[in-house]
Amino acid sequence: EVARSESDPAAVQQHLGAVLATIRDNGELAAALSSRHVPDAARRNII
């Protein structure tokens, strides 16, 4: 709904895929984003 009004919905799909691929391809990044030991603010800044 937001993409339809503010952006290109197809580009949003590509961007989601790019973020997922980046996380999957980088084990350290995936570990940092899923770790309970990383503070919420740091997790937000990382993503």
All heavy atoms as atom14 arrays in JSON, in Angstrom:
{
  "sequence": "EVARSESDPAAVQQHLGAVLATIRDNGELAAALSSRHVPDAARRNII",
  "atom14_mask": [
    [1, 1, 1, 1, 1, 1, 1, 1, 1, 0, 0, 0, 0, 0],
    [1, 1, 1, 1, 1, 1, 1, 0, 0, 0, 0, 0, 0, 0],
    [1, 1, 1, 1, 1, 0, 0, 0, 0, 0, 0, 0, 0, 0],
    [1, 1, 1, 1, 1, 1, 1, 1, 1, 1, 1, 0, 0, 0],
    [1, 1, 1, 1, 1, 1, 0, 0, 0, 0, 0, 0, 0, 0],
    [1, 1, 1, 1, 1, 1, 1, 1, 1, 0, 0, 0, 0, 0],
    [1, 1, 1, 1, 1, 1, 0, 0, 0, 0, 0, 0, 0, 0],
    [1, 1, 1, 1, 1, 1, 1, 1, 0, 0, 0, 0, 0, 0],
    [1, 1, 1, 1, 1, 1, 1, 0, 0, 0, 0, 0, 0, 0],
    [1, 1, 1, 1, 1, 0, 0, 0, 0, 0, 0, 0, 0, 0],
    [1, 1, 1, 1, 1, 0, 0, 0, 0, 0, 0, 0, 0, 0],
    [1, 1, 1, 1, 1, 1, 1, 0, 0, 0, 0, 0, 0, 0],
    [1, 1, 1, 1, 1, 1, 1, 1, 1, 0, 0, 0, 0, 0],
    [1, 1, 1, 1, 1, 1, 1, 1, 1, 0, 0, 0, 0, 0],
    [1, 1, 1, 1, 1, 1, 1, 1, 1, 1, 0, 0, 0, 0],
    [1, 1, 1, 1, 1, 1, 1, 1, 0, 0, 0, 0, 0, 0],
    [1, 1, 1, 1, 0, 0, 0, 0, 0, 0, 0, 0, 0, 0],
    [1, 1, 1, 1, 1, 0, 0, 0, 0, 0, 0, 0, 0, 0],
    [1, 1, 1, 1, 1, 1, 1, 0, 0, 0, 0, 0, 0, 0],
    [1, 1, 1, 1, 1, 1, 1, 1, 0, 0, 0, 0, 0, 0],
    [1, 1, 1, 1, 1, 0, 0, 0, 0, 0, 0, 0, 0, 0],
    [1, 1, 1, 1, 1, 1, 1, 0, 0, 0, 0, 0, 0, 0],
    [1, 1, 1, 1, 1, 1, 1, 1, 0, 0, 0, 0, 0, 0],
    [1, 1, 1, 1, 1, 1, 1, 1, 1, 1, 1, 0, 0, 0],
    [1, 1, 1, 1, 1, 1, 1, 1, 0, 0, 0, 0, 0, 0],
    [1, 1, 1, 1, 1, 1, 1, 1, 0, 0, 0, 0, 0, 0],
    [1, 1, 1, 1, 0, 0, 0, 0, 0, 0, 0, 0, 0, 0],
    [1, 1, 1, 1, 1, 1, 1, 1, 1, 0, 0, 0, 0, 0],
    [1, 1, 1, 1, 1, 1, 1, 1, 0, 0, 0, 0, 0, 0],
    [1, 1, 1, 1, 1, 0, 0, 0, 0, 0, 0, 0, 0, 0],
    [1, 1, 1, 1, 1, 0, 0, 0, 0, 0, 0, 0, 0, 0],
    [1, 1, 1, 1, 1, 0, 0, 0, 0, 0, 0, 0, 0, 0],
    [1, 1, 1, 1, 1, 1, 1, 1, 0, 0, 0, 0, 0, 0],
    [1, 1, 1, 1, 1, 1, 0, 0, 0, 0, 0, 0, 0, 0],
    [1, 1, 1, 1, 1, 1, 0, 0, 0, 0, 0, 0, 0, 0],
    [1, 1, 1, 1, 1, 1, 1, 1, 1, 1, 1, 0, 0, 0],
    [1, 1, 1, 1, 1, 1, 1, 1, 1, 1, 0, 0, 0, 0],
    [1, 1, 1, 1, 1, 1, 1, 0, 0, 0, 0, 0, 0, 0],
    [1, 1, 1, 1, 1, 1, 1, 0, 0, 0, 0, 0, 0, 0],
    [1, 1, 1, 1, 1, 1, 1, 1, 0, 0, 0, 0, 0, 0],
    [1, 1, 1, 1, 1, 0, 0, 0, 0, 0, 0, 0, 0, 0],
    [1, 1, 1, 1, 1, 0, 0, 0, 0, 0, 0, 0, 0, 0],
    [1, 1, 1, 1, 1, 1, 1, 1, 1, 1, 1, 0, 0, 0],
    [1, 1, 1, 1, 1, 1, 1, 1, 1, 1, 1, 0, 0, 0],
    [1, 1, 1, 1, 1, 1, 1, 1, 0, 0, 0, 0, 0, 0],
    [1, 1, 1, 1, 1, 1, 1, 1, 0, 0, 0, 0, 0, 0],
    [1, 1, 1, 1, 1, 1, 1, 1, 0, 0, 0, 0, 0, 0]
  ],
  "atom14_positions": [
    [[0.83, -1.21, 0.0], [0.0, 0.0, 0.0], [0.87, 1.26, 0.0], [0.61, 2.21, -0.75], [-0.95, 0.0, 1.2], [-2.05, -1.02, 1.12], [-2.93, -0.84, -0.11], [-3.34, 0.3, -0.42], [-3.2, -1.86, -0.77], [0.0, 0.0, 0.0], [0.0, 0.0, 0.0], [0.0, 0.0, 0.0], [0.0, 0.0, 0.0], [0.0, 0.0, 0.0]],
    [[1.89, 1.27, 0.84], [2.78, 2.42, 0.91], [3.56, 2.55, -0.39], [3.71, 3.64, -0.94], [3.74, 2.31, 2.12], [4.8, 3.4, 2.08], [2.94, 2.37, 3.41], [0.0, 0.0, 0.0], [0.0, 0.0, 0.0], [0.0, 0.0, 0.0], [0.0, 0.0, 0.0], [0.0, 0.0, 0.0], [0.0, 0.0, 0.0], [0.0, 0.0, 0.0]],
    [[4.06, 1.43, -0.92], [4.84, 1.45, -2.16], [4.01, 1.96, -3.33], [4.52, 2.68, -4.2], [5.39, 0.07, -2.47], [0.0, 0.0, 0.0], [0.0, 0.0, 0.0], [0.0, 0.0, 0.0], [0.0, 0.0, 0.0], [0.0, 0.0, 0.0], [0.0, 0.0, 0.0], [0.0, 0.0, 0.0], [0.0, 0.0, 0.0], [0.0, 0.0, 0.0]],
    [[2.73, 1.62, -3.35], [1.85, 2.09, -4.44], [1.72, 3.61, -4.43], [1.62, 4.23, -5.48], [0.48, 1.45, -4.32], [0.48, -0.01, -4.7], [-0.84, -0.7, -4.47], [-1.94, 0.04, -5.07], [-3.21, -0.17, -4.77], [-3.54, -1.09, -3.88], [-4.16, 0.52, -5.35], [0.0, 0.0, 0.0], [0.0, 0.0, 0.0], [0.0, 0.0, 0.0]],
    [[1.73, 4.2, -3.25], [1.54, 5.65, -3.18], [2.85, 6.44, -3.15], [2.88, 7.58, -3.6], [0.68, 6.01, -1.97], [1.35, 5.65, -0.78], [0.0, 0.0, 0.0], [0.0, 0.0, 0.0], [0.0, 0.0, 0.0], [0.0, 0.0, 0.0], [0.0, 0.0, 0.0], [0.0, 0.0, 0.0], [0.0, 0.0, 0.0], [0.0, 0.0, 0.0]],
    [[3.92, 5.83, -2.63], [5.16, 6.59, -2.45], [6.33, 6.15, -3.32], [7.35, 6.82, -3.37], [5.63, 6.48, -0.99], [4.7, 7.1, 0.01], [5.21, 6.96, 1.44], [6.38, 6.57, 1.63], [4.44, 7.24, 2.36], [0.0, 0.0, 0.0], [0.0, 0.0, 0.0], [0.0, 0.0, 0.0], [0.0, 0.0, 0.0], [0.0, 0.0, 0.0]],
    [[6.21, 5.01, -3.97], [7.37, 4.45, -4.65], [6.91, 3.57, -5.81], [5.75, 3.55, -6.16], [8.19, 3.63, -3.64], [9.4, 3.21, -4.19], [0.0, 0.0, 0.0], [0.0, 0.0, 0.0], [0.0, 0.0, 0.0], [0.0, 0.0, 0.0], [0.0, 0.0, 0.0], [0.0, 0.0, 0.0], [0.0, 0.0, 0.0], [0.0, 0.0, 0.0]],
    [[7.85, 2.82, -6.36], [7.56, 1.86, -7.42], [7.47, 0.47, -6.78], [8.47, -0.03, -6.26], [8.69, 1.9, -8.46], [8.55, 0.83, -9.52], [7.46, 0.26, -9.67], [9.56, 0.56, -10.22], [0.0, 0.0, 0.0], [0.0, 0.0, 0.0], [0.0, 0.0, 0.0], [0.0, 0.0, 0.0], [0.0, 0.0, 0.0], [0.0, 0.0, 0.0]],
    [[6.3, -0.15, -6.78], [6.14, -1.44, -6.12], [7.11, -2.52, -6.61], [7.59, -3.32, -5.82], [4.69, -1.83, -6.41], [3.99, -0.54, -6.62], [5.01, 0.34, -7.3], [0.0, 0.0, 0.0], [0.0, 0.0, 0.0], [0.0, 0.0, 0.0], [0.0, 0.0, 0.0], [0.0, 0.0, 0.0], [0.0, 0.0, 0.0], [0.0, 0.0, 0.0]],
    [[7.42, -2.54, -7.89], [8.36, -3.53, -8.43], [9.77, -3.27, -7.91], [10.51, -4.21, -7.59], [8.33, -3.53, -9.95], [0.0, 0.0, 0.0], [0.0, 0.0, 0.0], [0.0, 0.0, 0.0], [0.0, 0.0, 0.0], [0.0, 0.0, 0.0], [0.0, 0.0, 0.0], [0.0, 0.0, 0.0], [0.0, 0.0, 0.0], [0.0, 0.0, 0.0]],
    [[10.16, -2.01, -7.81], [11.48, -1.67, -7.28], [11.58, -2.06, -5.8], [12.62, -2.53, -5.35], [11.76, -0.18, -7.45], [0.0, 0.0, 0.0], [0.0, 0.0, 0.0], [0.0, 0.0, 0.0], [0.0, 0.0, 0.0], [0.0, 0.0, 0.0], [0.0, 0.0, 0.0], [0.0, 0.0, 0.0], [0.0, 0.0, 0.0], [0.0, 0.0, 0.0]],
    [[10.49, -1.91, -5.08], [10.46, -2.29, -3.67], [10.73, -3.8, -3.54], [11.49, -4.23, -2.67], [9.12, -1.9, -3.01], [8.92, -2.6, -1.67], [9.06, -0.38, -2.83], [0.0, 0.0, 0.0], [0.0, 0.0, 0.0], [0.0, 0.0, 0.0], [0.0, 0.0, 0.0], [0.0, 0.0, 0.0], [0.0, 0.0, 0.0], [0.0, 0.0, 0.0]],
    [[10.14, -4.58, -4.43], [10.39, -6.02, -4.42], [11.87, -6.32, -4.65], [12.47, -7.15, -3.97], [9.54, -6.73, -5.46], [9.74, -8.24, -5.46], [8.91, -8.94, -6.51], [8.32, -8.32, -7.38], [8.87, -10.26, -6.43], [0.0, 0.0, 0.0], [0.0, 0.0, 0.0], [0.0, 0.0, 0.0], [0.0, 0.0, 0.0], [0.0, 0.0, 0.0]],
    [[12.47, -5.64, -5.61], [13.89, -5.84, -5.89], [14.75, -5.43, -4.69], [15.72, -6.11, -4.36], [14.3, -5.04, -7.13], [13.7, -5.57, -8.4], [13.96, -4.68, -9.6], [14.4, -3.54, -9.45], [13.7, -5.18, -10.79], [0.0, 0.0, 0.0], [0.0, 0.0, 0.0], [0.0, 0.0, 0.0], [0.0, 0.0, 0.0], [0.0, 0.0, 0.0]],
    [[14.37, -4.35, -4.04], [15.13, -3.88, -2.89], [15.04, -4.87, -1.72], [16.04, -5.12, -1.04], [14.67, -2.5, -2.46], [14.95, -1.45, -3.49], [14.39, -0.2, -3.45], [15.74, -1.46, -4.6], [14.82, 0.51, -4.48], [15.63, -0.24, -5.19], [0.0, 0.0, 0.0], [0.0, 0.0, 0.0], [0.0, 0.0, 0.0], [0.0, 0.0, 0.0]],
    [[13.86, -5.43, -1.51], [13.72, -6.44, -0.46], [14.62, -7.64, -0.76], [15.29, -8.16, 0.13], [12.27, -6.92, -0.36], [11.29, -6.06, 0.4], [9.87, -6.61, 0.25], [11.66, -5.95, 1.86], [0.0, 0.0, 0.0], [0.0, 0.0, 0.0], [0.0, 0.0, 0.0], [0.0, 0.0, 0.0], [0.0, 0.0, 0.0], [0.0, 0.0, 0.0]],
    [[14.64, -8.05, -2.02], [15.49, -9.16, -2.43], [16.96, -8.86, -2.22], [17.74, -9.72, -1.79], [0.0, 0.0, 0.0], [0.0, 0.0, 0.0], [0.0, 0.0, 0.0], [0.0, 0.0, 0.0], [0.0, 0.0, 0.0], [0.0, 0.0, 0.0], [0.0, 0.0, 0.0], [0.0, 0.0, 0.0], [0.0, 0.0, 0.0], [0.0, 0.0, 0.0]],
    [[17.36, -7.63, -2.51], [18.76, -7.23, -2.34], [19.17, -7.25, -0.87], [20.26, -7.71, -0.52], [19.0, -5.85, -2.94], [0.0, 0.0, 0.0], [0.0, 0.0, 0.0], [0.0, 0.0, 0.0], [0.0, 0.0, 0.0], [0.0, 0.0, 0.0], [0.0, 0.0, 0.0], [0.0, 0.0, 0.0], [0.0, 0.0, 0.0], [0.0, 0.0, 0.0]],
    [[18.29, -6.77, -0.01], [18.58, -6.78, 1.43], [18.68, -8.22, 1.93], [19.62, -8.57, 2.66], [17.5, -6.0, 2.22], [17.66, -6.21, 3.72], [17.55, -4.52, 1.87], [0.0, 0.0, 0.0], [0.0, 0.0, 0.0], [0.0, 0.0, 0.0], [0.0, 0.0, 0.0], [0.0, 0.0, 0.0], [0.0, 0.0, 0.0], [0.0, 0.0, 0.0]],
    [[17.74, -9.06, 1.52], [17.78, -10.46, 1.93], [19.06, -11.15, 1.46], [19.7, -11.88, 2.22], [16.58, -11.21, 1.34], [15.36, -11.33, 2.2], [14.21, -11.95, 1.43], [15.64, -12.09, 3.46], [0.0, 0.0, 0.0], [0.0, 0.0, 0.0], [0.0, 0.0, 0.0], [0.0, 0.0, 0.0], [0.0, 0.0, 0.0], [0.0, 0.0, 0.0]],
    [[19.43, -10.92, 0.22], [20.65, -11.53, -0.33], [21.88, -11.06, 0.43], [22.78, -11.86, 0.72], [20.78, -11.21, -1.82], [0.0, 0.0, 0.0], [0.0, 0.0, 0.0], [0.0, 0.0, 0.0], [0.0, 0.0, 0.0], [0.0, 0.0, 0.0], [0.0, 0.0, 0.0], [0.0, 0.0, 0.0], [0.0, 0.0, 0.0], [0.0, 0.0, 0.0]],
    [[21.92, -9.79, 0.77], [23.07, -9.24, 1.51], [23.17, -9.9, 2.88], [24.27, -10.28, 3.31], [22.93, -7.71, 1.65], [22.88, -7.13, 0.34], [24.08, -7.13, 2.43], [0.0, 0.0, 0.0], [0.0, 0.0, 0.0], [0.0, 0.0, 0.0], [0.0, 0.0, 0.0], [0.0, 0.0, 0.0], [0.0, 0.0, 0.0], [0.0, 0.0, 0.0]],
    [[22.05, -10.06, 3.54], [22.06, -10.69, 4.87], [22.46, -12.16, 4.75], [23.28, -12.65, 5.53], [20.69, -10.54, 5.56], [20.42, -9.06, 5.87], [20.62, -11.38, 6.83], [19.02, -8.76, 6.34], [0.0, 0.0, 0.0], [0.0, 0.0, 0.0], [0.0, 0.0, 0.0], [0.0, 0.0, 0.0], [0.0, 0.0, 0.0], [0.0, 0.0, 0.0]],
    [[21.91, -12.86, 3.77], [22.23, -14.29, 3.6], [23.7, -14.5, 3.22], [24.29, -15.49, 3.62], [21.34, -14.89, 2.53], [19.93, -15.12, 3.0], [19.1, -15.79, 1.94], [17.73, -15.9, 2.39], [16.68, -15.88, 1.59], [16.84, -15.76, 0.29], [15.46, -15.97, 2.08], [0.0, 0.0, 0.0], [0.0, 0.0, 0.0], [0.0, 0.0, 0.0]],
    [[24.25, -13.59, 2.44], [25.63, -13.75, 1.97], [26.67, -13.35, 3.0], [27.85, -13.61, 2.82], [25.85, -12.93, 0.69], [25.06, -13.47, -0.49], [24.57, -14.62, -0.41], [24.93, -12.75, -1.5], [0.0, 0.0, 0.0], [0.0, 0.0, 0.0], [0.0, 0.0, 0.0], [0.0, 0.0, 0.0], [0.0, 0.0, 0.0], [0.0, 0.0, 0.0]],
    [[26.24, -12.68, 4.06], [27.18, -12.21, 5.07], [26.8, -12.8, 6.42], [25.9, -12.31, 7.1], [27.18, -10.68, 5.11], [28.25, -10.12, 5.99], [28.61, -10.69, 7.01], [28.77, -8.96, 5.6], [0.0, 0.0, 0.0], [0.0, 0.0, 0.0], [0.0, 0.0, 0.0], [0.0, 0.0, 0.0], [0.0, 0.0, 0.0], [0.0, 0.0, 0.0]],
    [[27.51, -13.85, 6.8], [27.21, -14.55, 8.05], [27.33, -13.67, 9.28], [26.53, -13.78, 10.21], [0.0, 0.0, 0.0], [0.0, 0.0, 0.0], [0.0, 0.0, 0.0], [0.0, 0.0, 0.0], [0.0, 0.0, 0.0], [0.0, 0.0, 0.0], [0.0, 0.0, 0.0], [0.0, 0.0, 0.0], [0.0, 0.0, 0.0], [0.0, 0.0, 0.0]],
    [[28.35, -12.8, 9.3], [28.52, -11.92, 10.46], [27.37, -10.93, 10.58], [26.89, -10.65, 11.68], [29.85, -11.16, 10.36], [31.07, -12.03, 10.55], [32.37, -11.25, 10.43], [32.32, -10.0, 10.45], [33.41, -11.9, 10.3], [0.0, 0.0, 0.0], [0.0, 0.0, 0.0], [0.0, 0.0, 0.0], [0.0, 0.0, 0.0], [0.0, 0.0, 0.0]],
    [[26.93, -10.43, 9.45], [25.79, -9.5, 9.45], [24.54, -10.22, 9.96], [23.82, -9.69, 10.82], [25.56, -8.94, 8.04], [24.33, -8.07, 7.85], [24.41, -6.82, 8.73], [24.18, -7.7, 6.38], [0.0, 0.0, 0.0], [0.0, 0.0, 0.0], [0.0, 0.0, 0.0], [0.0, 0.0, 0.0], [0.0, 0.0, 0.0], [0.0, 0.0, 0.0]],
    [[24.29, -11.41, 9.43], [23.11, -12.18, 9.85], [23.17, -12.47, 11.36], [22.16, -12.36, 12.06], [23.03, -13.48, 9.06], [0.0, 0.0, 0.0], [0.0, 0.0, 0.0], [0.0, 0.0, 0.0], [0.0, 0.0, 0.0], [0.0, 0.0, 0.0], [0.0, 0.0, 0.0], [0.0, 0.0, 0.0], [0.0, 0.0, 0.0], [0.0, 0.0, 0.0]],
    [[24.36, -12.82, 11.84], [24.51, -13.12, 13.27], [24.26, -11.87, 14.11], [23.59, -11.95, 15.15], [25.91, -13.67, 13.54], [0.0, 0.0, 0.0], [0.0, 0.0, 0.0], [0.0, 0.0, 0.0], [0.0, 0.0, 0.0], [0.0, 0.0, 0.0], [0.0, 0.0, 0.0], [0.0, 0.0, 0.0], [0.0, 0.0, 0.0], [0.0, 0.0, 0.0]],
    [[24.77, -10.73, 13.68], [24.58, -9.49, 14.44], [23.11, -9.09, 14.47], [22.6, -8.64, 15.51], [25.41, -8.36, 13.82], [0.0, 0.0, 0.0], [0.0, 0.0, 0.0], [0.0, 0.0, 0.0], [0.0, 0.0, 0.0], [0.0, 0.0, 0.0], [0.0, 0.0, 0.0], [0.0, 0.0, 0.0], [0.0, 0.0, 0.0], [0.0, 0.0, 0.0]],
    [[22.41, -9.26, 13.35], [21.01, -8.86, 13.29], [20.1, -9.78, 14.1], [19.04, -9.36, 14.56], [20.54, -8.8, 11.84], [21.15, -7.68, 10.99], [20.71, -7.8, 9.54], [20.8, -6.31, 11.56], [0.0, 0.0, 0.0], [0.0, 0.0, 0.0], [0.0, 0.0, 0.0], [0.0, 0.0, 0.0], [0.0, 0.0, 0.0], [0.0, 0.0, 0.0]],
    [[20.51, -11.02, 14.27], [19.66, -11.96, 14.99], [20.07, -12.15, 16.46], [19.35, -12.78, 17.21], [19.66, -13.32, 14.29], [20.96, -13.87, 14.29], [0.0, 0.0, 0.0], [0.0, 0.0, 0.0], [0.0, 0.0, 0.0], [0.0, 0.0, 0.0], [0.0, 0.0, 0.0], [0.0, 0.0, 0.0], [0.0, 0.0, 0.0], [0.0, 0.0, 0.0]],
    [[21.2, -11.59, 16.83], [21.71, -11.77, 18.2], [20.89, -10.97, 19.22], [20.6, -9.79, 19.02], [23.17, -11.33, 18.28], [23.61, -11.37, 19.62], [0.0, 0.0, 0.0], [0.0, 0.0, 0.0], [0.0, 0.0, 0.0], [0.0, 0.0, 0.0], [0.0, 0.0, 0.0], [0.0, 0.0, 0.0], [0.0, 0.0, 0.0], [0.0, 0.0, 0.0]],
    [[20.58, -11.62, 20.32], [19.88, -10.94, 21.42], [20.84, -10.05, 22.21], [20.41, -9.22, 22.99], [19.27, -11.98, 22.38], [18.21, -12.83, 21.74], [16.91, -12.08, 21.71], [15.87, -12.91, 21.1], [14.86, -12.42, 20.44], [14.74, -11.13, 20.3], [13.96, -13.2, 19.92], [0.0, 0.0, 0.0], [0.0, 0.0, 0.0], [0.0, 0.0, 0.0]],
    [[22.14, -10.23, 21.99], [23.15, -9.46, 22.71], [23.41, -8.1, 22.07], [24.03, -7.24, 22.69], [24.46, -10.24, 22.81], [24.29, -11.56, 23.5], [23.94, -11.66, 24.83], [24.42, -12.83, 23.06], [23.85, -12.93, 25.16], [24.13, -13.67, 24.11], [0.0, 0.0, 0.0], [0.0, 0.0, 0.0], [0.0, 0.0, 0.0], [0.0, 0.0, 0.0]],
    [[22.93, -7.91, 20.84], [23.11, -6.63, 20.16], [21.95, -5.72, 20.58], [20.79, -6.09, 20.44], [23.13, -6.82, 18.61], [23.16, -5.48, 17.9], [24.3, -7.69, 18.21], [0.0, 0.0, 0.0], [0.0, 0.0, 0.0], [0.0, 0.0, 0.0], [0.0, 0.0, 0.0], [0.0, 0.0, 0.0], [0.0, 0.0, 0.0], [0.0, 0.0, 0.0]],
    [[22.28, -4.54, 21.11], [21.21, -3.62, 21.53], [20.3, -3.22, 20.35], [20.74, -3.18, 19.2], [21.97, -2.4, 22.05], [23.36, -2.88, 22.31], [23.61, -4.02, 21.38], [0.0, 0.0, 0.0], [0.0, 0.0, 0.0], [0.0, 0.0, 0.0], [0.0, 0.0, 0.0], [0.0, 0.0, 0.0], [0.0, 0.0, 0.0], [0.0, 0.0, 0.0]],
    [[19.05, -2.94, 20.66], [18.07, -2.6, 19.63], [18.53, -1.43, 18.77], [18.38, -1.45, 17.55], [16.72, -2.28, 20.26], [16.08, -3.5, 20.91], [16.53, -4.64, 20.63], [15.13, -3.32, 21.7], [0.0, 0.0, 0.0], [0.0, 0.0, 0.0], [0.0, 0.0, 0.0], [0.0, 0.0, 0.0], [0.0, 0.0, 0.0], [0.0, 0.0, 0.0]],
    [[19.09, -0.41, 19.39], [19.54, 0.77, 18.64], [20.66, 0.4, 17.68], [20.69, 0.87, 16.53], [20.01, 1.86, 19.6], [0.0, 0.0, 0.0], [0.0, 0.0, 0.0], [0.0, 0.0, 0.0], [0.0, 0.0, 0.0], [0.0, 0.0, 0.0], [0.0, 0.0, 0.0], [0.0, 0.0, 0.0], [0.0, 0.0, 0.0], [0.0, 0.0, 0.0]],
    [[21.56, -0.47, 18.11], [22.67, -0.89, 17.24], [22.13, -1.73, 16.08], [22.58, -1.57, 14.93], [23.7, -1.68, 18.03], [0.0, 0.0, 0.0], [0.0, 0.0, 0.0], [0.0, 0.0, 0.0], [0.0, 0.0, 0.0], [0.0, 0.0, 0.0], [0.0, 0.0, 0.0], [0.0, 0.0, 0.0], [0.0, 0.0, 0.0], [0.0, 0.0, 0.0]],
    [[21.17, -2.61, 16.36], [20.56, -3.44, 15.31], [19.89, -2.55, 14.27], [20.04, -2.75, 13.06], [19.55, -4.41, 15.94], [18.92, -5.35, 14.94], [17.93, -6.32, 15.59], [18.61, -7.18, 16.55], [18.49, -7.09, 17.88], [17.7, -6.19, 18.41], [19.15, -7.91, 18.67], [0.0, 0.0, 0.0], [0.0, 0.0, 0.0], [0.0, 0.0, 0.0]],
    [[19.2, -1.55, 14.74], [18.53, -0.6, 13.84], [19.56, 0.12, 12.99], [19.39, 0.26, 11.77], [17.7, 0.4, 14.65], [16.94, 1.39, 13.82], [16.12, 2.34, 14.73], [15.26, 3.2, 13.97], [15.65, 4.33, 13.39], [16.9, 4.73, 13.47], [14.79, 5.06, 12.72], [0.0, 0.0, 0.0], [0.0, 0.0, 0.0], [0.0, 0.0, 0.0]],
    [[20.63, 0.59, 13.6], [21.68, 1.31, 12.86], [22.36, 0.41, 11.84], [22.69, 0.85, 10.73], [22.71, 1.89, 13.83], [22.14, 3.04, 14.63], [21.16, 3.67, 14.25], [22.75, 3.32, 15.78], [0.0, 0.0, 0.0], [0.0, 0.0, 0.0], [0.0, 0.0, 0.0], [0.0, 0.0, 0.0], [0.0, 0.0, 0.0], [0.0, 0.0, 0.0]],
    [[22.55, -0.86, 12.19], [23.19, -1.8, 11.26], [22.31, -2.0, 10.02], [22.79, -1.9, 8.9], [23.46, -3.16, 11.96], [24.55, -3.01, 13.02], [23.85, -4.22, 10.94], [24.67, -4.21, 13.94], [0.0, 0.0, 0.0], [0.0, 0.0, 0.0], [0.0, 0.0, 0.0], [0.0, 0.0, 0.0], [0.0, 0.0, 0.0], [0.0, 0.0, 0.0]],
    [[21.02, -2.28, 10.25], [20.14, -2.54, 9.11], [19.95, -1.29, 8.27], [19.84, -1.35, 7.05], [18.8, -3.18, 9.54], [18.11, -3.84, 8.34], [17.88, -2.18, 10.19], [18.79, -5.03, 7.78], [0.0, 0.0, 0.0], [0.0, 0.0, 0.0], [0.0, 0.0, 0.0], [0.0, 0.0, 0.0], [0.0, 0.0, 0.0], [0.0, 0.0, 0.0]]
  ]
}
